[in-house]
Structures are given as structure tokens and as C-alpha cells.
Amino acid sequence: MSIISDAGKKFVFTDGHAIMALTDFYHDLKDLNQVDWNVMNTQYWNDTNEDPDRKRRRQAEFLVHQSVELDLFLGIGVYNEWMKRQVKDILLTHNIDMYVLVRRNFYF
């Protein structure tokens, strides 16, 4: 996220799903502690009787105004080796050398 900020990009992030009335919006990276990182790191994040707001918080967003140049990306995470080959082929077609990593745990 600091890469985006350091590049002078306008951004906003939320502490929950952006369309929900309870959600707050932030423009300063010092407010990243407002994101519930515990729920962000859980595999199962459905609402419970003890915590009926988990789903909204887990859908926190980091949004960048208009566009992000490809050179600001650290890489691309994909689900499996087949998709990695597909993405690498597309990147090579456009003469782009970018790190593509298989990370099944990025997906749920």
C-alpha cells in the first residue's frame, strides 16, 4: 500500500464493505489499524452470534483512483500452475516480465 502512496496515487480504504452504512473510509495509511486484521487473516469469516459483523469487516477494500501502472505491482497471485502458465503467456505476449506466484490460500 505504501507503494501506491509513494507513487502519488490517490486512494481510499475501508474498514468493511464499502456499500455498508457502518463502514468508514480512510485516506491515511496511519489508519490501517482500523482494519480488523484478525478477521482478514481468518479462513472462515461468516457472521456468528458472538460477532454478527464479521462478514462486513472481512470485505474491507483498498481502492485506487482511476488506474495503477503495471510496474507498481509486485506480482500476480494465481490459484494453480495451469493459471500461472496462462498468465505468464499473456505477459510474455506483451513483453512483460513479472513475478507470478501460485498461492492457493489467496482464494476461498
N, C-alpha and C. Protein backbone atom coordinates (compact mmCIF):
# COMPACT_ATOMS: atom_id res chain seq x y z
N MET A 1 0.81 -1.18 0.00
CA MET A 1 0.00 0.00 0.00
C MET A 1 0.86 1.25 0.00
N SER A 2 2.02 1.15 0.65
CA SER A 2 2.88 2.33 0.61
C SER A 2 3.44 2.55 -0.79
N ILE A 3 3.53 1.50 -1.59
CA ILE A 3 3.97 1.67 -2.98
C ILE A 3 3.00 2.60 -3.71
N ILE A 4 1.72 2.40 -3.49
CA ILE A 4 0.70 3.24 -4.11
C ILE A 4 0.82 4.67 -3.60
N SER A 5 0.95 4.82 -2.31
CA SER A 5 1.09 6.15 -1.71
C SER A 5 2.36 6.84 -2.19
N ASP A 6 3.48 6.12 -2.19
CA ASP A 6 4.75 6.69 -2.63
C ASP A 6 4.72 7.11 -4.08
N ALA A 7 3.89 6.46 -4.89
CA ALA A 7 3.77 6.81 -6.31
C ALA A 7 2.85 8.01 -6.52
N GLY A 8 2.29 8.54 -5.43
CA GLY A 8 1.42 9.72 -5.54
C GLY A 8 0.01 9.41 -6.00
N LYS A 9 -0.37 8.14 -5.91
CA LYS A 9 -1.71 7.74 -6.33
C LYS A 9 -2.73 8.13 -5.25
N LYS A 10 -3.89 8.59 -5.69
CA LYS A 10 -4.99 8.84 -4.76
C LYS A 10 -5.64 7.51 -4.43
N PHE A 11 -5.91 7.29 -3.15
CA PHE A 11 -6.51 6.03 -2.73
C PHE A 11 -7.43 6.27 -1.55
N VAL A 12 -8.22 5.27 -1.28
CA VAL A 12 -9.07 5.24 -0.10
C VAL A 12 -9.15 3.78 0.33
N PHE A 13 -9.27 3.57 1.63
CA PHE A 13 -9.51 2.21 2.09
C PHE A 13 -10.60 2.24 3.14
N THR A 14 -11.20 1.09 3.36
CA THR A 14 -12.35 1.00 4.26
C THR A 14 -12.07 -0.01 5.37
N ASP A 15 -12.89 0.07 6.39
CA ASP A 15 -12.81 -0.92 7.47
C ASP A 15 -13.87 -2.00 7.31
N GLY A 16 -14.53 -2.02 6.15
CA GLY A 16 -15.55 -3.01 5.85
C GLY A 16 -16.05 -2.82 4.43
N HIS A 17 -17.03 -3.58 4.05
CA HIS A 17 -17.60 -3.49 2.70
C HIS A 17 -18.03 -2.05 2.43
N ALA A 18 -17.61 -1.51 1.30
CA ALA A 18 -17.78 -0.08 1.02
C ALA A 18 -19.24 0.37 0.90
N ILE A 19 -20.16 -0.53 0.59
CA ILE A 19 -21.54 -0.08 0.43
C ILE A 19 -22.34 -0.08 1.72
N MET A 20 -21.75 -0.57 2.79
CA MET A 20 -22.48 -0.69 4.05
C MET A 20 -22.42 0.62 4.84
N ALA A 21 -23.53 0.98 5.46
CA ALA A 21 -23.64 2.24 6.19
C ALA A 21 -22.67 2.33 7.36
N LEU A 22 -22.35 1.23 7.99
CA LEU A 22 -21.45 1.23 9.15
C LEU A 22 -19.98 1.44 8.77
N THR A 23 -19.66 1.30 7.51
CA THR A 23 -18.28 1.33 7.06
C THR A 23 -17.72 2.74 7.04
N ASP A 24 -16.49 2.86 7.53
CA ASP A 24 -15.77 4.13 7.50
C ASP A 24 -14.69 4.08 6.42
N PHE A 25 -14.39 5.27 5.87
CA PHE A 25 -13.40 5.41 4.80
C PHE A 25 -12.20 6.19 5.34
N TYR A 26 -11.00 5.81 4.86
CA TYR A 26 -9.77 6.43 5.33
C TYR A 26 -8.89 6.78 4.14
N HIS A 27 -8.08 7.83 4.32
CA HIS A 27 -7.16 8.28 3.26
C HIS A 27 -5.71 8.29 3.71
N ASP A 28 -5.46 7.93 4.95
CA ASP A 28 -4.11 8.00 5.51
C ASP A 28 -3.68 6.60 5.97
N LEU A 29 -2.52 6.16 5.51
CA LEU A 29 -2.06 4.82 5.85
C LEU A 29 -1.88 4.62 7.36
N LYS A 30 -1.73 5.70 8.10
CA LYS A 30 -1.61 5.54 9.56
C LYS A 30 -2.90 4.98 10.17
N ASP A 31 -3.99 5.02 9.41
CA ASP A 31 -5.26 4.50 9.89
C ASP A 31 -5.48 3.03 9.52
N LEU A 32 -4.47 2.37 8.99
CA LEU A 32 -4.63 0.95 8.64
C LEU A 32 -4.97 0.09 9.84
N ASN A 33 -4.70 0.59 11.04
CA ASN A 33 -5.07 -0.16 12.24
C ASN A 33 -6.59 -0.22 12.43
N GLN A 34 -7.34 0.54 11.65
CA GLN A 34 -8.79 0.49 11.71
C GLN A 34 -9.35 -0.75 11.01
N VAL A 35 -8.53 -1.37 10.17
CA VAL A 35 -8.92 -2.62 9.51
C VAL A 35 -8.77 -3.75 10.53
N ASP A 36 -9.74 -4.62 10.58
CA ASP A 36 -9.69 -5.76 11.50
C ASP A 36 -8.81 -6.84 10.89
N TRP A 37 -7.51 -6.78 11.17
CA TRP A 37 -6.56 -7.71 10.57
C TRP A 37 -6.76 -9.13 11.08
N ASN A 38 -7.32 -9.30 12.26
CA ASN A 38 -7.61 -10.65 12.75
C ASN A 38 -8.62 -11.34 11.86
N VAL A 39 -9.70 -10.67 11.53
CA VAL A 39 -10.70 -11.29 10.66
C VAL A 39 -10.19 -11.40 9.22
N MET A 40 -9.31 -10.48 8.81
CA MET A 40 -8.75 -10.55 7.45
C MET A 40 -7.89 -11.80 7.29
N ASN A 41 -7.30 -12.27 8.37
CA ASN A 41 -6.40 -13.42 8.30
C ASN A 41 -7.09 -14.74 8.58
N THR A 42 -8.40 -14.73 8.79
CA THR A 42 -9.10 -15.99 9.07
C THR A 42 -9.59 -16.64 7.79
N GLN A 43 -9.62 -17.94 7.80
CA GLN A 43 -10.11 -18.67 6.63
C GLN A 43 -11.63 -18.62 6.54
N TYR A 44 -12.29 -18.72 7.68
CA TYR A 44 -13.75 -18.69 7.71
C TYR A 44 -14.17 -17.42 8.43
N TRP A 45 -14.97 -16.61 7.75
CA TRP A 45 -15.28 -15.29 8.29
C TRP A 45 -16.77 -14.97 8.24
N ASN A 46 -17.57 -16.00 8.36
CA ASN A 46 -19.02 -15.78 8.38
C ASN A 46 -19.41 -15.10 9.69
N ASP A 47 -20.54 -14.42 9.67
CA ASP A 47 -21.08 -13.80 10.89
C ASP A 47 -21.44 -14.90 11.88
N THR A 48 -21.30 -14.59 13.16
CA THR A 48 -21.67 -15.52 14.22
C THR A 48 -22.57 -14.79 15.21
N ASN A 49 -23.19 -15.53 16.11
CA ASN A 49 -23.99 -14.90 17.16
C ASN A 49 -23.13 -13.98 18.02
N GLU A 50 -21.90 -14.39 18.29
CA GLU A 50 -20.99 -13.60 19.11
C GLU A 50 -20.47 -12.38 18.36
N ASP A 51 -20.36 -12.48 17.03
CA ASP A 51 -19.81 -11.39 16.22
C ASP A 51 -20.59 -11.30 14.91
N PRO A 52 -21.73 -10.59 14.92
CA PRO A 52 -22.59 -10.53 13.73
C PRO A 52 -22.10 -9.56 12.65
N ASP A 53 -20.87 -9.02 12.78
CA ASP A 53 -20.37 -8.04 11.82
C ASP A 53 -19.09 -8.51 11.12
N ARG A 54 -18.75 -9.77 11.25
CA ARG A 54 -17.51 -10.28 10.67
C ARG A 54 -17.47 -10.17 9.15
N LYS A 55 -18.56 -10.55 8.50
CA LYS A 55 -18.58 -10.57 7.04
C LYS A 55 -18.32 -9.17 6.47
N ARG A 56 -18.95 -8.16 7.03
CA ARG A 56 -18.75 -6.78 6.54
C ARG A 56 -17.29 -6.38 6.72
N ARG A 57 -16.72 -6.65 7.89
CA ARG A 57 -15.34 -6.25 8.16
C ARG A 57 -14.35 -6.99 7.27
N ARG A 58 -14.63 -8.25 6.97
CA ARG A 58 -13.72 -9.05 6.13
C ARG A 58 -13.68 -8.53 4.70
N GLN A 59 -14.67 -7.77 4.31
CA GLN A 59 -14.74 -7.25 2.95
C GLN A 59 -14.19 -5.83 2.84
N ALA A 60 -13.29 -5.48 3.76
CA ALA A 60 -12.62 -4.18 3.68
C ALA A 60 -11.92 -4.06 2.33
N GLU A 61 -11.83 -2.85 1.84
CA GLU A 61 -11.30 -2.63 0.49
C GLU A 61 -10.20 -1.58 0.48
N PHE A 62 -9.28 -1.71 -0.47
CA PHE A 62 -8.27 -0.69 -0.76
C PHE A 62 -8.48 -0.31 -2.22
N LEU A 63 -8.90 0.90 -2.45
CA LEU A 63 -9.28 1.34 -3.79
C LEU A 63 -8.37 2.46 -4.26
N VAL A 64 -7.92 2.36 -5.51
CA VAL A 64 -7.03 3.35 -6.10
C VAL A 64 -7.80 4.08 -7.20
N HIS A 65 -7.67 5.41 -7.20
CA HIS A 65 -8.39 6.24 -8.17
C HIS A 65 -7.86 6.00 -9.58
N GLN A 66 -8.76 5.77 -10.49
CA GLN A 66 -8.55 5.59 -11.93
C GLN A 66 -7.76 4.35 -12.31
N SER A 67 -6.44 4.32 -12.08
CA SER A 67 -5.67 3.17 -12.55
C SER A 67 -4.37 3.03 -11.77
N VAL A 68 -3.77 1.85 -11.90
CA VAL A 68 -2.47 1.57 -11.30
C VAL A 68 -1.57 1.04 -12.42
N GLU A 69 -0.43 1.68 -12.59
CA GLU A 69 0.51 1.24 -13.61
C GLU A 69 1.04 -0.13 -13.23
N LEU A 70 1.26 -0.95 -14.23
CA LEU A 70 1.69 -2.32 -14.01
C LEU A 70 3.01 -2.41 -13.26
N ASP A 71 3.89 -1.44 -13.44
CA ASP A 71 5.18 -1.52 -12.76
C ASP A 71 5.08 -1.27 -11.25
N LEU A 72 3.90 -0.89 -10.77
CA LEU A 72 3.70 -0.74 -9.33
C LEU A 72 3.29 -2.05 -8.66
N PHE A 73 2.95 -3.05 -9.45
CA PHE A 73 2.58 -4.35 -8.92
C PHE A 73 3.83 -5.14 -8.55
N LEU A 74 3.79 -5.82 -7.42
CA LEU A 74 4.89 -6.68 -7.03
C LEU A 74 4.86 -8.01 -7.77
N GLY A 75 3.66 -8.42 -8.20
CA GLY A 75 3.48 -9.68 -8.91
C GLY A 75 2.01 -10.00 -8.99
N ILE A 76 1.74 -11.20 -9.46
CA ILE A 76 0.36 -11.66 -9.63
C ILE A 76 0.23 -13.01 -8.93
N GLY A 77 -0.79 -13.13 -8.08
CA GLY A 77 -1.07 -14.38 -7.40
C GLY A 77 -2.16 -15.14 -8.13
N VAL A 78 -1.93 -16.42 -8.38
CA VAL A 78 -2.90 -17.26 -9.09
C VAL A 78 -3.18 -18.52 -8.28
N TYR A 79 -4.23 -19.23 -8.67
CA TYR A 79 -4.71 -20.38 -7.92
C TYR A 79 -3.90 -21.66 -8.17
N ASN A 80 -3.42 -21.86 -9.41
CA ASN A 80 -2.74 -23.12 -9.71
C ASN A 80 -1.72 -22.95 -10.83
N GLU A 81 -0.95 -24.01 -11.09
CA GLU A 81 0.10 -23.97 -12.11
C GLU A 81 -0.45 -23.72 -13.50
N TRP A 82 -1.62 -24.29 -13.80
CA TRP A 82 -2.23 -24.08 -15.12
C TRP A 82 -2.47 -22.58 -15.34
N MET A 83 -3.04 -21.90 -14.34
CA MET A 83 -3.31 -20.48 -14.48
C MET A 83 -2.01 -19.68 -14.52
N LYS A 84 -1.01 -20.14 -13.80
CA LYS A 84 0.29 -19.46 -13.85
C LYS A 84 0.83 -19.46 -15.27
N ARG A 85 0.75 -20.61 -15.94
CA ARG A 85 1.22 -20.68 -17.34
C ARG A 85 0.41 -19.76 -18.24
N GLN A 86 -0.90 -19.70 -18.02
CA GLN A 86 -1.76 -18.83 -18.83
C GLN A 86 -1.36 -17.37 -18.65
N VAL A 87 -1.18 -16.96 -17.40
CA VAL A 87 -0.83 -15.57 -17.11
C VAL A 87 0.55 -15.24 -17.66
N LYS A 88 1.53 -16.14 -17.47
CA LYS A 88 2.87 -15.91 -17.99
C LYS A 88 2.86 -15.78 -19.51
N ASP A 89 2.07 -16.60 -20.19
CA ASP A 89 1.97 -16.49 -21.65
C ASP A 89 1.42 -15.13 -22.08
N ILE A 90 0.40 -14.67 -21.39
CA ILE A 90 -0.18 -13.35 -21.71
C ILE A 90 0.85 -12.25 -21.48
N LEU A 91 1.55 -12.32 -20.35
CA LEU A 91 2.56 -11.31 -20.05
C LEU A 91 3.67 -11.32 -21.09
N LEU A 92 4.13 -12.51 -21.47
CA LEU A 92 5.20 -12.61 -22.47
C LEU A 92 4.75 -12.06 -23.82
N THR A 93 3.49 -12.25 -24.17
CA THR A 93 2.95 -11.71 -25.42
C THR A 93 3.10 -10.20 -25.47
N HIS A 94 3.06 -9.57 -24.29
CA HIS A 94 3.17 -8.11 -24.20
C HIS A 94 4.56 -7.67 -23.71
N ASN A 95 5.53 -8.59 -23.77
CA ASN A 95 6.90 -8.32 -23.36
C ASN A 95 6.99 -7.80 -21.92
N ILE A 96 6.21 -8.39 -21.04
CA ILE A 96 6.19 -8.00 -19.64
C ILE A 96 6.78 -9.14 -18.82
N ASP A 97 7.81 -8.82 -18.06
CA ASP A 97 8.42 -9.79 -17.17
C ASP A 97 7.94 -9.48 -15.75
N MET A 98 7.07 -10.32 -15.23
CA MET A 98 6.51 -10.10 -13.91
C MET A 98 6.44 -11.41 -13.16
N TYR A 99 6.65 -11.32 -11.87
CA TYR A 99 6.59 -12.48 -10.98
C TYR A 99 5.15 -12.98 -10.89
N VAL A 100 4.94 -14.28 -11.13
CA VAL A 100 3.63 -14.92 -10.99
C VAL A 100 3.81 -16.06 -10.00
N LEU A 101 3.01 -16.03 -8.96
CA LEU A 101 3.15 -16.96 -7.85
C LEU A 101 1.86 -17.74 -7.63
N VAL A 102 1.99 -19.05 -7.47
CA VAL A 102 0.83 -19.87 -7.13
C VAL A 102 0.63 -19.78 -5.61
N ARG A 103 -0.53 -19.31 -5.22
CA ARG A 103 -0.88 -19.20 -3.80
C ARG A 103 -2.34 -19.60 -3.63
N ARG A 104 -2.57 -20.86 -3.43
CA ARG A 104 -3.95 -21.36 -3.27
C ARG A 104 -4.65 -20.71 -2.09
N ASN A 105 -3.91 -20.34 -1.06
CA ASN A 105 -4.54 -19.75 0.11
C ASN A 105 -5.00 -18.30 -0.12
N PHE A 106 -4.70 -17.72 -1.28
CA PHE A 106 -5.23 -16.40 -1.61
C PHE A 106 -6.71 -16.49 -1.94
N TYR A 107 -7.18 -17.69 -2.22
CA TYR A 107 -8.54 -17.90 -2.70
C TYR A 107 -9.34 -18.69 -1.68
N PHE A 108 -10.64 -18.49 -1.71
CA PHE A 108 -11.50 -19.20 -0.76
C PHE A 108 -12.69 -19.77 -1.47
